C-alpha atoms as a PDB file:
ATOM      1  CA  MET A   1      94.324  91.834  90.126  1.00  0.00           C
ATOM      2  CA  LYS A   2      96.158  94.939  91.305  1.00  0.00           C
ATOM      3  CA  THR A   3      92.812  96.656  91.837  1.00  0.00           C
ATOM      4  CA  LEU A   4      91.927  94.025  94.408  1.00  0.00           C
ATOM      5  CA  ILE A   5      95.257  94.173  96.207  1.00  0.00           C
ATOM      6  CA  ASP A   6      96.141  97.864  95.987  1.00  0.00           C
ATOM      7  CA  ARG A   7      92.720  99.484  96.409  1.00  0.00           C
ATOM      8  CA  PRO A   8      91.263  98.348  99.736  1.00  0.00           C
ATOM      9  CA  ASP A   9      89.577 101.742  99.908  1.00  0.00           C
ATOM     10  CA  ARG A  10      87.644 100.915  96.743  1.00  0.00           C
ATOM     11  CA  LEU A  11      86.606  97.553  98.173  1.00  0.00           C
ATOM     12  CA  ALA A  12      85.430  99.286 101.344  1.00  0.00           C
ATOM     13  CA  GLU A  13      83.377 101.751  99.270  1.00  0.00           C
ATOM     14  CA  ILE A  14      81.722  98.958  97.312  1.00  0.00           C
ATOM     15  CA  CYS A  15      80.793  97.123 100.507  1.00  0.00           C
ATOM     16  CA  ALA A  16      79.427 100.264 102.143  1.00  0.00           C
ATOM     17  CA  ALA A  17      77.285 101.073  99.100  1.00  0.00           C
ATOM     18  CA  ALA A  18      75.926  97.545  98.584  1.00  0.00           C
ATOM     19  CA  ASP A  19      72.493  96.488  99.798  1.00  0.00           C
ATOM     20  CA  ALA A  20      73.004  93.351 101.875  1.00  0.00           C
ATOM     21  CA  GLU A  21      69.314  92.476 101.592  1.00  0.00           C
ATOM     22  CA  GLN A  22      69.842  91.788  97.863  1.00  0.00           C
ATOM     23  CA  GLY A  23      72.023  88.821  98.727  1.00  0.00           C
ATOM     24  CA  ILE A  24      75.630  87.885  98.200  1.00  0.00           C
ATOM     25  CA  ALA A  25      75.181  87.191  94.472  1.00  0.00           C
ATOM     26  CA  ALA A  26      74.538  90.894  93.821  1.00  0.00           C
ATOM     27  CA  LEU A  27      77.710  91.870  95.695  1.00  0.00           C
ATOM     28  CA  GLU A  28      79.649  89.208  93.799  1.00  0.00           C
ATOM     29  CA  GLN A  29      78.554  90.701  90.467  1.00  0.00           C
ATOM     30  CA  THR A  30      79.699  94.163  91.540  1.00  0.00           C
ATOM     31  CA  LEU A  31      83.070  92.883  92.710  1.00  0.00           C
ATOM     32  CA  GLN A  32      83.581  90.921  89.489  1.00  0.00           C
ATOM     33  CA  GLN A  33      83.498  94.196  87.584  1.00  0.00           C
ATOM     34  CA  LEU A  34      86.785  95.138  89.276  1.00  0.00           C
ATOM     35  CA  VAL A  35      88.530  92.106  87.800  1.00  0.00           C
ATOM     36  CA  PRO A  36      86.532  91.080  84.727  1.00  0.00           C
ATOM     37  CA  GLU A  37      87.302  87.622  83.301  1.00  0.00           C
ATOM     38  CA  ALA A  38      89.441  86.772  86.338  1.00  0.00           C
ATOM     39  CA  GLY A  39      86.915  84.370  87.866  1.00  0.00           C
ATOM     40  CA  LEU A  40      86.387  86.017  91.251  1.00  0.00           C
ATOM     41  CA  SER A  41      83.658  84.144  93.103  1.00  0.00           C
ATOM     42  CA  CYS A  42      82.254  83.614  96.570  1.00  0.00           C
ATOM     43  CA  VAL A  43      83.290  80.108  97.602  1.00  0.00           C
ATOM     44  CA  LEU A  44      82.318  79.964 101.268  1.00  0.00           C
ATOM     45  CA  THR A  45      80.277  81.726 103.939  1.00  0.00           C
ATOM     46  CA  ARG A  46      81.043  81.158 107.619  1.00  0.00           C
ATOM     47  CA  GLY A  47      78.635  82.515 110.214  1.00  0.00           C
ATOM     48  CA  ASN A  48      77.395  82.295 113.780  1.00  0.00           C
ATOM     49  CA  TRP A  49      79.891  84.695 115.289  1.00  0.00           C
ATOM     50  CA  HIS A  50      79.287  87.966 117.047  1.00  0.00           C
ATOM     51  CA  ARG A  51      81.091  90.869 118.634  1.00  0.00           C
ATOM     52  CA  PRO A  52      79.987  93.667 120.993  1.00  0.00           C
ATOM     53  CA  GLY A  53      77.922  96.367 119.326  1.00  0.00           C
ATOM     54  CA  GLY A  54      76.601  99.610 120.741  1.00  0.00           C
ATOM     55  CA  VAL A  55      73.939 101.109 123.012  1.00  0.00           C
ATOM     56  CA  VAL A  56      70.336 101.997 122.137  1.00  0.00           C
ATOM     57  CA  ASP A  57      67.411 103.307 124.135  1.00  0.00           C
ATOM     58  CA  ALA A  58      64.144 101.457 124.731  1.00  0.00           C
ATOM     59  CA  GLU A  59      62.784 102.639 121.356  1.00  0.00           C
ATOM     60  CA  LEU A  60      65.944 101.363 119.624  1.00  0.00           C
ATOM     61  CA  ASN A  61      67.244 104.866 118.964  1.00  0.00           C
ATOM     62  CA  PRO A  62      71.053 104.853 118.872  1.00  0.00           C
ATOM     63  CA  ILE A  63      72.964 106.184 121.866  1.00  0.00           C
ATOM     64  CA  SER A  64      76.388 104.982 120.748  1.00  0.00           C
ATOM     65  CA  SER A  65      77.649 102.667 118.005  1.00  0.00           C
ATOM     66  CA  ASN A  66      80.529 101.464 120.202  1.00  0.00           C
ATOM     67  CA  ILE A  67      79.665 100.189 123.666  1.00  0.00           C
ATOM     68  CA  ARG A  68      83.294 100.019 124.774  1.00  0.00           C
ATOM     69  CA  ARG A  69      84.074 103.611 123.886  1.00  0.00           C
ATOM     70  CA  TRP A  70      80.793 104.792 125.422  1.00  0.00           C
ATOM     71  CA  ALA A  71      81.326 102.843 128.674  1.00  0.00           C
ATOM     72  CA  GLU A  72      84.903 104.018 129.071  1.00  0.00           C
ATOM     73  CA  GLN A  73      83.835 107.633 128.627  1.00  0.00           C
ATOM     74  CA  GLU A  74      80.815 107.377 130.909  1.00  0.00           C
ATOM     75  CA  SER A  75      82.413 105.357 133.699  1.00  0.00           C
ATOM     76  CA  ALA A  76      85.867 106.937 133.988  1.00  0.00           C
ATOM     77  CA  GLY A  77      86.952 103.461 135.047  1.00  0.00           C
ATOM     78  CA  ASP A  78      84.327 103.076 137.805  1.00  0.00           C
ATOM     79  CA  VAL A  79      81.877 100.394 136.727  1.00  0.00           C
ATOM     80  CA  ASP A  80      79.795 100.779 139.917  1.00  0.00           C
ATOM     81  CA  ALA A  81      79.236 104.446 139.137  1.00  0.00           C
ATOM     82  CA  LEU A  82      78.222 103.534 135.595  1.00  0.00           C
ATOM     83  CA  ILE A  83      75.659 101.018 136.874  1.00  0.00           C
ATOM     84  CA  ALA A  84      74.243 103.547 139.339  1.00  0.00           C
ATOM     85  CA  SER A  85      73.961 106.268 136.695  1.00  0.00           C
ATOM     86  CA  TYR A  86      72.093 104.151 134.132  1.00  0.00           C
ATOM     87  CA  ALA A  87      70.163 101.705 136.315  1.00  0.00           C
ATOM     88  CA  ASP A  88      66.824 103.280 135.375  1.00  0.00           C
ATOM     89  CA  ALA A  89      67.623 104.509 131.854  1.00  0.00           C
ATOM     90  CA  GLY A  90      66.110 101.509 130.090  1.00  0.00           C
ATOM     91  CA  TYR A  91      69.060 101.322 127.719  1.00  0.00           C
ATOM     92  CA  LEU A  92      69.897  98.152 125.807  1.00  0.00           C
ATOM     93  CA  ALA A  93      73.242  96.735 124.735  1.00  0.00           C
ATOM     94  CA  THR A  94      73.513  95.411 121.192  1.00  0.00           C
ATOM     95  CA  GLN A  95      75.804  93.006 119.461  1.00  0.00           C
ATOM     96  CA  LEU A  96      76.894  92.600 115.866  1.00  0.00           C
ATOM     97  CA  SER A  97      75.784  89.235 114.582  1.00  0.00           C
ATOM     98  CA  GLY A  98      77.990  88.362 111.671  1.00  0.00           C
ATOM     99  CA  LYS A  99      79.103  86.026 108.965  1.00  0.00           C
ATOM    100  CA  THR A 100      82.136  86.176 106.724  1.00  0.00           C
ATOM    101  CA  HIS A 101      81.959  85.732 102.967  1.00  0.00           C
ATOM    102  CA  TYR A 102      85.136  84.398 101.349  1.00  0.00           C
ATOM    103  CA  PHE A 103      85.879  85.266  97.730  1.00  0.00           C
ATOM    104  CA  THR A 104      88.814  83.779  95.866  1.00  0.00           C
ATOM    105  CA  VAL A 105      90.431  84.268  92.479  1.00  0.00           C
ATOM    106  CA  ALA A 106      93.360  82.330  91.039  1.00  0.00           C
ATOM    107  CA  CYS A 107      96.323  84.357  89.766  1.00  0.00           C
ATOM    108  CA  GLY A 108      98.633  81.519  88.755  1.00  0.00           C
ATOM    109  CA  ASP A 109      98.873  77.755  88.426  1.00  0.00           C
ATOM    110  CA  GLY A 110     100.387  76.989  91.839  1.00  0.00           C
ATOM    111  CA  PRO A 111      98.034  76.155  94.731  1.00  0.00           C
ATOM    112  CA  ALA A 112      99.208  79.232  96.657  1.00  0.00           C
ATOM    113  CA  ASP A 113      98.710  81.508  93.658  1.00  0.00           C
ATOM    114  CA  PHE A 114      95.416  83.066  94.592  1.00  0.00           C
ATOM    115  CA  ILE A 115      93.910  86.137  96.214  1.00  0.00           C
ATOM    116  CA  GLN A 116      91.463  85.777  99.089  1.00  0.00           C
ATOM    117  CA  LEU A 117      88.955  88.503  99.843  1.00  0.00           C
ATOM    118  CA  GLU A 118      86.991  88.526 103.109  1.00  0.00           C
ATOM    119  CA  ILE A 119      83.815  90.553 103.496  1.00  0.00           C
ATOM    120  CA  GLU A 120      81.715  90.599 106.645  1.00  0.00           C
ATOM    121  CA  GLU A 121      77.941  90.774 106.666  1.00  0.00           C
ATOM    122  CA  LEU A 122      76.814  92.412 109.900  1.00  0.00           C
ATOM    123  CA  GLN A 123      73.436  92.769 111.557  1.00  0.00           C
ATOM    124  CA  GLU A 124      73.105  94.773 114.759  1.00  0.00           C
ATOM    125  CA  VAL A 125      70.674  93.054 117.131  1.00  0.00           C
ATOM    126  CA  ILE A 126      69.509  93.520 120.701  1.00  0.00           C
ATOM    127  CA  ASP A 127      71.633  91.480 123.092  1.00  0.00           C
ATOM    128  CA  ARG A 128      70.689  92.349 126.695  1.00  0.00           C
ATOM    129  CA  PRO A 129      69.595  95.112 129.056  1.00  0.00           C
ATOM    130  CA  LEU A 130      72.474  97.487 129.589  1.00  0.00           C
ATOM    131  CA  VAL A 131      71.813  97.248 133.329  1.00  0.00           C
ATOM    132  CA  ALA A 132      69.781  94.317 134.632  1.00  0.00           C
ATOM    133  CA  PRO A 133      68.307  93.978 138.129  1.00  0.00           C
ATOM    134  CA  ASP A 134      70.317  91.670 140.374  1.00  0.00           C
ATOM    135  CA  TRP A 135      73.232  91.575 137.956  1.00  0.00           C
ATOM    136  CA  TYR A 136      76.396  93.318 139.039  1.00  0.00           C
ATOM    137  CA  PRO A 137      79.488  93.065 136.830  1.00  0.00           C
ATOM    138  CA  ASP A 138      82.823  92.653 138.610  1.00  0.00           C
ATOM    139  CA  SER A 139      84.712  94.903 136.210  1.00  0.00           C
ATOM    140  CA  LEU A 140      84.336  97.037 133.135  1.00  0.00           C
ATOM    141  CA  GLU A 141      85.389  94.057 130.996  1.00  0.00           C
ATOM    142  CA  ASP A 142      82.679  91.945 132.602  1.00  0.00           C
ATOM    143  CA  PHE A 143      80.180  94.724 131.876  1.00  0.00           C
ATOM    144  CA  LEU A 144      81.224  94.899 128.211  1.00  0.00           C
ATOM    145  CA  ASP A 145      81.219  91.168 127.499  1.00  0.00           C
ATOM    146  CA  PRO A 146      79.440  89.358 130.347  1.00  0.00           C
ATOM    147  CA  LEU A 147      79.309  85.600 130.554  1.00  0.00           C
ATOM    148  CA  GLU A 148      76.322  85.564 132.868  1.00  0.00           C
ATOM    149  CA  CYS A 149      73.650  88.154 132.201  1.00  0.00           C
ATOM    150  CA  PRO A 150      69.960  88.070 131.212  1.00  0.00           C
ATOM    151  CA  ARG A 151      69.656  87.942 127.429  1.00  0.00           C
ATOM    152  CA  LEU A 152      66.897  89.295 125.209  1.00  0.00           C
ATOM    153  CA  ASP A 153      65.510  88.131 121.886  1.00  0.00           C
ATOM    154  CA  PRO A 154      67.864  89.286 119.096  1.00  0.00           C
ATOM    155  CA  VAL A 155      65.582  91.932 117.604  1.00  0.00           C
ATOM    156  CA  PRO A 156      67.299  93.609 114.623  1.00  0.00           C
ATOM    157  CA  VAL A 157      68.410  97.220 114.967  1.00  0.00           C
ATOM    158  CA  GLY A 158      68.632  98.757 111.486  1.00  0.00           C
ATOM    159  CA  GLN A 159      69.470  96.980 108.236  1.00  0.00           C
ATOM    160  CA  PRO A 160      72.226  94.408 107.615  1.00  0.00           C
ATOM    161  CA  CYS A 161      75.334  95.749 105.940  1.00  0.00           C
ATOM    162  CA  TYR A 162      78.593  94.636 104.366  1.00  0.00           C
ATOM    163  CA  ARG A 163      82.009  95.585 105.664  1.00  0.00           C
ATOM    164  CA  PHE A 164      85.327  94.981 103.944  1.00  0.00           C
ATOM    165  CA  ARG A 165      87.565  92.865 106.193  1.00  0.00           C
ATOM    166  CA  ARG A 166      90.768  92.196 104.263  1.00  0.00           C
ATOM    167  CA  VAL A 167      92.266  91.056 100.978  1.00  0.00           C
ATOM    168  CA  THR A 168      95.229  88.686 101.047  1.00  0.00           C
ATOM    169  CA  PRO A 169      97.545  87.566  98.251  1.00  0.00           C
ATOM    170  CA  ILE A 170      98.289  84.104  99.643  1.00  0.00           C
ATOM    171  CA  ALA A 171     101.613  83.548  97.859  1.00  0.00           C
ATOM    172  CA  ARG A 172     102.858  86.878  99.195  1.00  0.00           C
ATOM    173  CA  LEU A 173     101.632  85.971 102.676  1.00  0.00           C
ATOM    174  CA  LEU A 174     103.689  82.783 102.611  1.00  0.00           C
ATOM    175  CA  ASP A 175     106.741  84.616 101.278  1.00  0.00           C
ATOM    176  CA  GLU A 176     106.543  87.276 103.973  1.00  0.00           C
ATOM    177  CA  ALA A 177     106.048  84.668 106.679  1.00  0.00           C
ATOM    178  CA  GLY A 178     109.440  83.212 105.793  1.00  0.00           C
ATOM    179  CA  SER A 179     110.549  79.653 106.320  1.00  0.00           C
ATOM    180  CA  GLY A 180     111.162  80.047 110.044  1.00  0.00           C
ATOM    181  CA  GLN A 181     107.547  80.283 111.209  1.00  0.00           C
ATOM    182  CA  ARG A 182     106.477  76.845 112.367  1.00  0.00           C
ATOM    183  CA  ALA A 183     102.815  77.843 112.119  1.00  0.00           C
ATOM    184  CA  PHE A 184     103.116  77.888 108.322  1.00  0.00           C
ATOM    185  CA  ALA A 185     105.232  74.766 107.873  1.00  0.00           C
ATOM    186  CA  ALA A 186     102.273  72.379 107.739  1.00  0.00           C
ATOM    187  CA  LEU A 187     100.360  74.718 105.423  1.00  0.00           C
ATOM    188  CA  ARG A 188     103.269  74.839 102.995  1.00  0.00           C
ATOM    189  CA  ARG A 189     103.417  71.055 103.000  1.00  0.00           C
ATOM    190  CA  PHE A 190      99.645  70.857 102.460  1.00  0.00           C
ATOM    191  CA  LEU A 191      99.889  73.139  99.427  1.00  0.00           C
ATOM    192  CA  GLN A 192     102.922  71.284  98.118  1.00  0.00           C
ATOM    193  CA  ASP A 193     101.093  67.964  98.373  1.00  0.00           C
ATOM    194  CA  TRP A 194      98.156  69.436  96.483  1.00  0.00           C
ATOM    195  CA  GLY A 195     100.411  70.595  93.655  1.00  0.00           C
ATOM    196  CA  GLN A 196     102.096  67.192  93.406  1.00  0.00           C
ATOM    197  CA  SER A 197      98.897  65.131  93.558  1.00  0.00           C
ATOM    198  CA  SER A 198      96.071  64.425  91.150  1.00  0.00           C
ATOM    199  CA  ALA A 199      93.952  67.028  92.986  1.00  0.00           C
ATOM    200  CA  ALA A 200      95.833  69.693  91.009  1.00  0.00           C
ATOM    201  CA  GLU A 201      94.493  68.291  87.715  1.00  0.00           C
ATOM    202  CA  GLY A 202      91.055  69.794  88.349  1.00  0.00           C
ATOM    203  CA  GLU A 203      89.938  73.187  89.599  1.00  0.00           C
ATOM    204  CA  HIS A 204      92.360  75.471  91.391  1.00  0.00           C
ATOM    205  CA  PHE A 205      93.014  74.887  95.090  1.00  0.00           C
ATOM    206  CA  CYS A 206      91.177  78.115  95.965  1.00  0.00           C
ATOM    207  CA  ARG A 207      87.899  76.709  94.657  1.00  0.00           C
ATOM    208  CA  HIS A 208      88.014  73.905  97.208  1.00  0.00           C
ATOM    209  CA  TRP A 209      89.761  75.523 100.202  1.00  0.00           C
ATOM    210  CA  ILE A 210      90.080  78.907 101.851  1.00  0.00           C
ATOM    211  CA  LEU A 211      92.499  79.912 104.586  1.00  0.00           C
ATOM    212  CA  ALA A 212      91.023  80.968 107.913  1.00  0.00           C
ATOM    213  CA  LEU A 213      93.364  83.733 109.057  1.00  0.00           C
ATOM    214  CA  ARG A 214      93.632  84.621 112.734  1.00  0.00           C
ATOM    215  CA  GLU A 215      95.831  87.170 114.460  1.00  0.00           C
ATOM    216  CA  TYR A 216      97.134  86.609 117.969  1.00  0.00           C
ATOM    217  CA  MET A 217      99.756  88.092 120.268  1.00  0.00           C
ATOM    218  CA  ASP A 218     102.733  85.976 121.261  1.00  0.00           C
ATOM    219  CA  ARG A 219     104.603  86.021 124.561  1.00  0.00           C
ATOM    220  CA  ASP A 220     106.781  88.900 123.397  1.00  0.00           C
ATOM    221  CA  GLY A 221     103.812  91.072 122.481  1.00  0.00           C
ATOM    222  CA  GLU A 222     104.326  90.563 118.754  1.00  0.00           C
ATOM    223  CA  VAL A 223     101.258  90.145 116.528  1.00  0.00           C
ATOM    224  CA  ARG A 224     101.352  86.805 114.749  1.00  0.00           C
ATOM    225  CA  LEU A 225      99.125  85.203 112.164  1.00  0.00           C
ATOM    226  CA  THR A 226      97.872  81.660 111.737  1.00  0.00           C
ATOM    227  CA  ALA A 227      96.376  80.269 108.526  1.00  0.00           C
ATOM    228  CA  THR A 228      94.227  77.135 108.647  1.00  0.00           C
ATOM    229  CA  PRO A 229      92.769  75.460 105.542  1.00  0.00           C
ATOM    230  CA  VAL A 230      88.972  75.210 105.599  1.00  0.00           C
ATOM    231  CA  THR A 231      87.035  73.263 102.992  1.00  0.00           C
ATOM    232  CA  THR A 232      84.508  75.075 100.814  1.00  0.00           C
ATOM    233  CA  PHE A 233      82.401  71.922 100.499  1.00  0.00           C
ATOM    234  CA  GLY A 234      78.754  72.791 101.050  1.00  0.00           C
ATOM    235  CA  GLY A 235      76.672  70.882 103.544  1.00  0.00           C
ATOM    236  CA  SER A 236      77.824  68.102 105.833  1.00  0.00           C
ATOM    237  CA  LEU A 237      80.987  66.325 104.817  1.00  0.00           C
ATOM    238  CA  PRO A 238      80.705  62.575 104.418  1.00  0.00           C
ATOM    239  CA  HIS A 239      82.514  60.452 106.956  1.00  0.00           C
ATOM    240  CA  LEU A 240      85.963  59.329 105.933  1.00  0.00           C
ATOM    241  CA  PRO A 241      86.082  55.624 105.085  1.00  0.00           C
ATOM    242  CA  PRO A 242      86.994  53.498 108.112  1.00  0.00           C
ATOM    243  CA  GLY A 243      90.554  52.417 107.444  1.00  0.00           C
ATOM    244  CA  ASP A 244      90.459  49.883 110.239  1.00  0.00           C
ATOM    245  CA  ALA A 245      87.466  48.062 108.756  1.00  0.00           C
ATOM    246  CA  LEU A 246      87.952  48.035 104.975  1.00  0.00           C
ATOM    247  CA  THR A 247      90.536  46.638 102.611  1.00  0.00           C
ATOM    248  CA  GLY A 248      91.077  45.889  98.952  1.00  0.00           C
ATOM    249  CA  ALA A 249      88.250  46.579  96.523  1.00  0.00           C
ATOM    250  CA  GLU A 250      85.929  47.790  99.295  1.00  0.00           C
ATOM    251  CA  LEU A 251      88.448  50.374 100.439  1.00  0.00           C
ATOM    252  CA  ALA A 252      89.177  51.428  96.859  1.00  0.00           C
ATOM    253  CA  ASN A 253      85.479  51.979  96.190  1.00  0.00           C
ATOM    254  CA  ALA A 254      85.116  53.872  99.478  1.00  0.00           C
ATOM    255  CA  VAL A 255      87.941  56.369  98.868  1.00  0.00           C
ATOM    256  CA  HIS A 256      86.927  56.935  95.243  1.00  0.00           C
ATOM    257  CA  GLY A 257      83.315  57.364  96.337  1.00  0.00           C
ATOM    258  CA  TYR A 258      84.393  59.947  98.893  1.00  0.00           C
ATOM    259  CA  ASP A 259      86.289  61.840  96.179  1.00  0.00           C
ATOM    260  CA  ARG A 260      83.259  61.855  93.882  1.00  0.00           C
ATOM    261  CA  VAL A 261      81.059  63.347  96.592  1.00  0.00           C
ATOM    262  CA  VAL A 262      83.561  66.056  97.550  1.00  0.00           C
ATOM    263  CA  GLY A 263      84.330  66.846  93.925  1.00  0.00           C
ATOM    264  CA  TYR A 264      87.986  66.177  93.144  1.00  0.00           C
ATOM    265  CA  PRO A 265      90.494  63.306  93.154  1.00  0.00           C
ATOM    266  CA  PHE A 266      92.481  62.457  96.289  1.00  0.00           C
ATOM    267  CA  ALA A 267      90.072  64.551  98.373  1.00  0.00           C
ATOM    268  CA  TRP A 268      90.044  61.948 101.147  1.00  0.00           C
ATOM    269  CA  TYR A 269      93.742  62.554 101.786  1.00  0.00           C
ATOM    270  CA  PHE A 270      93.420  66.327 102.234  1.00  0.00           C
ATOM    271  CA  HIS A 271      90.333  66.012 104.397  1.00  0.00           C
ATOM    272  CA  MET A 272      92.125  63.459 106.518  1.00  0.00           C
ATOM    273  CA  LEU A 273      94.932  65.970 107.090  1.00  0.00           C
ATOM    274  CA  SER A 274      92.484  68.730 108.014  1.00  0.00           C
ATOM    275  CA  ARG A 275      91.012  66.511 110.733  1.00  0.00           C
ATOM    276  CA  LYS A 276      94.414  65.931 112.310  1.00  0.00           C
ATOM    277  CA  ALA A 277      94.759  62.418 113.795  1.00  0.00           C
ATOM    278  CA  GLU A 278      91.089  61.512 113.461  1.00  0.00           C
ATOM    279  CA  ASN A 279      91.612  58.855 110.823  1.00  0.00           C
ATOM    280  CA  TYR A 280      95.270  58.235 110.070  1.00  0.00           C
ATOM    281  CA  GLN A 281      94.391  54.539 109.920  1.00  0.00           C
ATOM    282  CA  LEU A 282      92.836  55.288 106.547  1.00  0.00           C
ATOM    283  CA  ALA A 283      96.151  56.369 105.008  1.00  0.00           C
ATOM    284  CA  LYS A 284      97.921  53.385 106.535  1.00  0.00           C
ATOM    285  CA  ALA A 285      95.273  50.986 105.198  1.00  0.00           C
ATOM    286  CA  VAL A 286      95.535  52.419 101.671  1.00  0.00           C
ATOM    287  CA  LEU A 287      99.319  52.123 101.809  1.00  0.00           C
ATOM    288  CA  ARG A 288      99.078  48.490 102.904  1.00  0.00           C
ATOM    289  CA  ASP A 289      96.825  47.779  99.935  1.00  0.00           C
ATOM    290  CA  LEU A 290      99.087  49.526  97.467  1.00  0.00           C
ATOM    291  CA  MET A 291     102.167  47.761  98.754  1.00  0.00           C
ATOM    292  CA  GLY A 292     100.312  44.486  98.208  1.00  0.00           C
ATOM    293  CA  ALA A 293      98.177  43.285  95.348  1.00  0.00           C
ATOM    294  CA  TYR A 294      96.129  46.424  94.733  1.00  0.00           C
ATOM    295  CA  ASP A 295      96.721  49.424  92.510  1.00  0.00           C
ATOM    296  CA  TYR A 296      93.955  51.998  92.717  1.00  0.00           C
ATOM    297  CA  LEU A 297      95.827  55.313  93.123  1.00  0.00           C
ATOM    298  CA  PRO A 298      97.804  57.244  90.491  1.00  0.00           C
ATOM    299  CA  ALA A 299     101.570  57.058  90.916  1.00  0.00           C
ATOM    300  CA  ARG A 300     101.768  60.740  91.883  1.00  0.00           C
ATOM    301  CA  ASP A 301      99.258  60.234  94.706  1.00  0.00           C
ATOM    302  CA  LEU A 302     101.091  57.165  95.943  1.00  0.00           C
ATOM    303  CA  LYS A 303     104.313  59.187  96.128  1.00  0.00           C
ATOM    304  CA  VAL A 304     102.573  61.893  98.193  1.00  0.00           C
ATOM    305  CA  LEU A 305     101.150  59.233 100.479  1.00  0.00           C
ATOM    306  CA  ARG A 306     104.500  57.540 100.980  1.00  0.00           C
ATOM    307  CA  ASP A 307     106.154  60.866 101.734  1.00  0.00           C
ATOM    308  CA  TRP A 308     103.473  61.460 104.348  1.00  0.00           C
ATOM    309  CA  GLU A 309     104.144  58.029 105.841  1.00  0.00           C
ATOM    310  CA  ALA A 310     107.839  58.874 106.153  1.00  0.00           C
ATOM    311  CA  ARG A 311     107.134  62.254 107.741  1.00  0.00           C
ATOM    312  CA  SER A 312     103.521  62.621 108.801  1.00  0.00           C
ATOM    313  CA  TYR A 313     101.841  65.975 109.491  1.00  0.00           C
ATOM    314  CA  ALA A 314      98.408  67.542 109.761  1.00  0.00           C
ATOM    315  CA  VAL A 315      96.894  70.987 109.389  1.00  0.00           C
END
């Protein structure tokens, strides 16, 4: 495990040397050699994001790999001068079309006891003409990331590649965040509920959920981090049972059926929490049943549910 945490340089080397065209399974096998028998596996891929790329000429020969650095150097802060200088150059701006592969490995029995590894798969593609007729950016920022500009077909520039993003020991992350950060309070409760429920009787938490980590700057200029649970369930999630329409045996069959599809007990509860207030009626309906003549949840799940009723939250 220490190799994963303490050798980000080694992870970066492996990513740089890997052939992305061989697929993620080949990269997974290589990474597993760092921690044999630990169970490292790719549990989720999230895509459809992009970031600014570089500049190429009309034959797709590289001019610069970083459009921001190039534009700042070439413009000296004067975007009008930049447009005038390169109006007839035929240059093209590219973007990096990406997806993020999430790998997890458990390192303990608690739901927070796992390591999360994020690796990006990047493909540089044509985005737009660097300078388009009848398009005049208002500022350098507008030039670099325009909202309104003629777009081109995303023709690939070069081969796709992997890039190491980060590796995060989740238990350590929570410890370092301390108890005072409100952003992590709901996450801690989510993990605690998992450990106290029947969901913990199956596979480790990190096989069913990853944490989407995002950095932002607060009002004081301090860099903060948020961590949001994201399900690893493949395909479209089933709809949560309608708590306002079902009761008794029908509701019992519906929640157990949902769990079977998703792959672990009490799944409906955790997916309800991850959708915020979308279907709190479901929890209330189950509680009404269990306080009445029905008994279709284990005692440990009922306790979690009653604690939620007393102090509700969502992630």
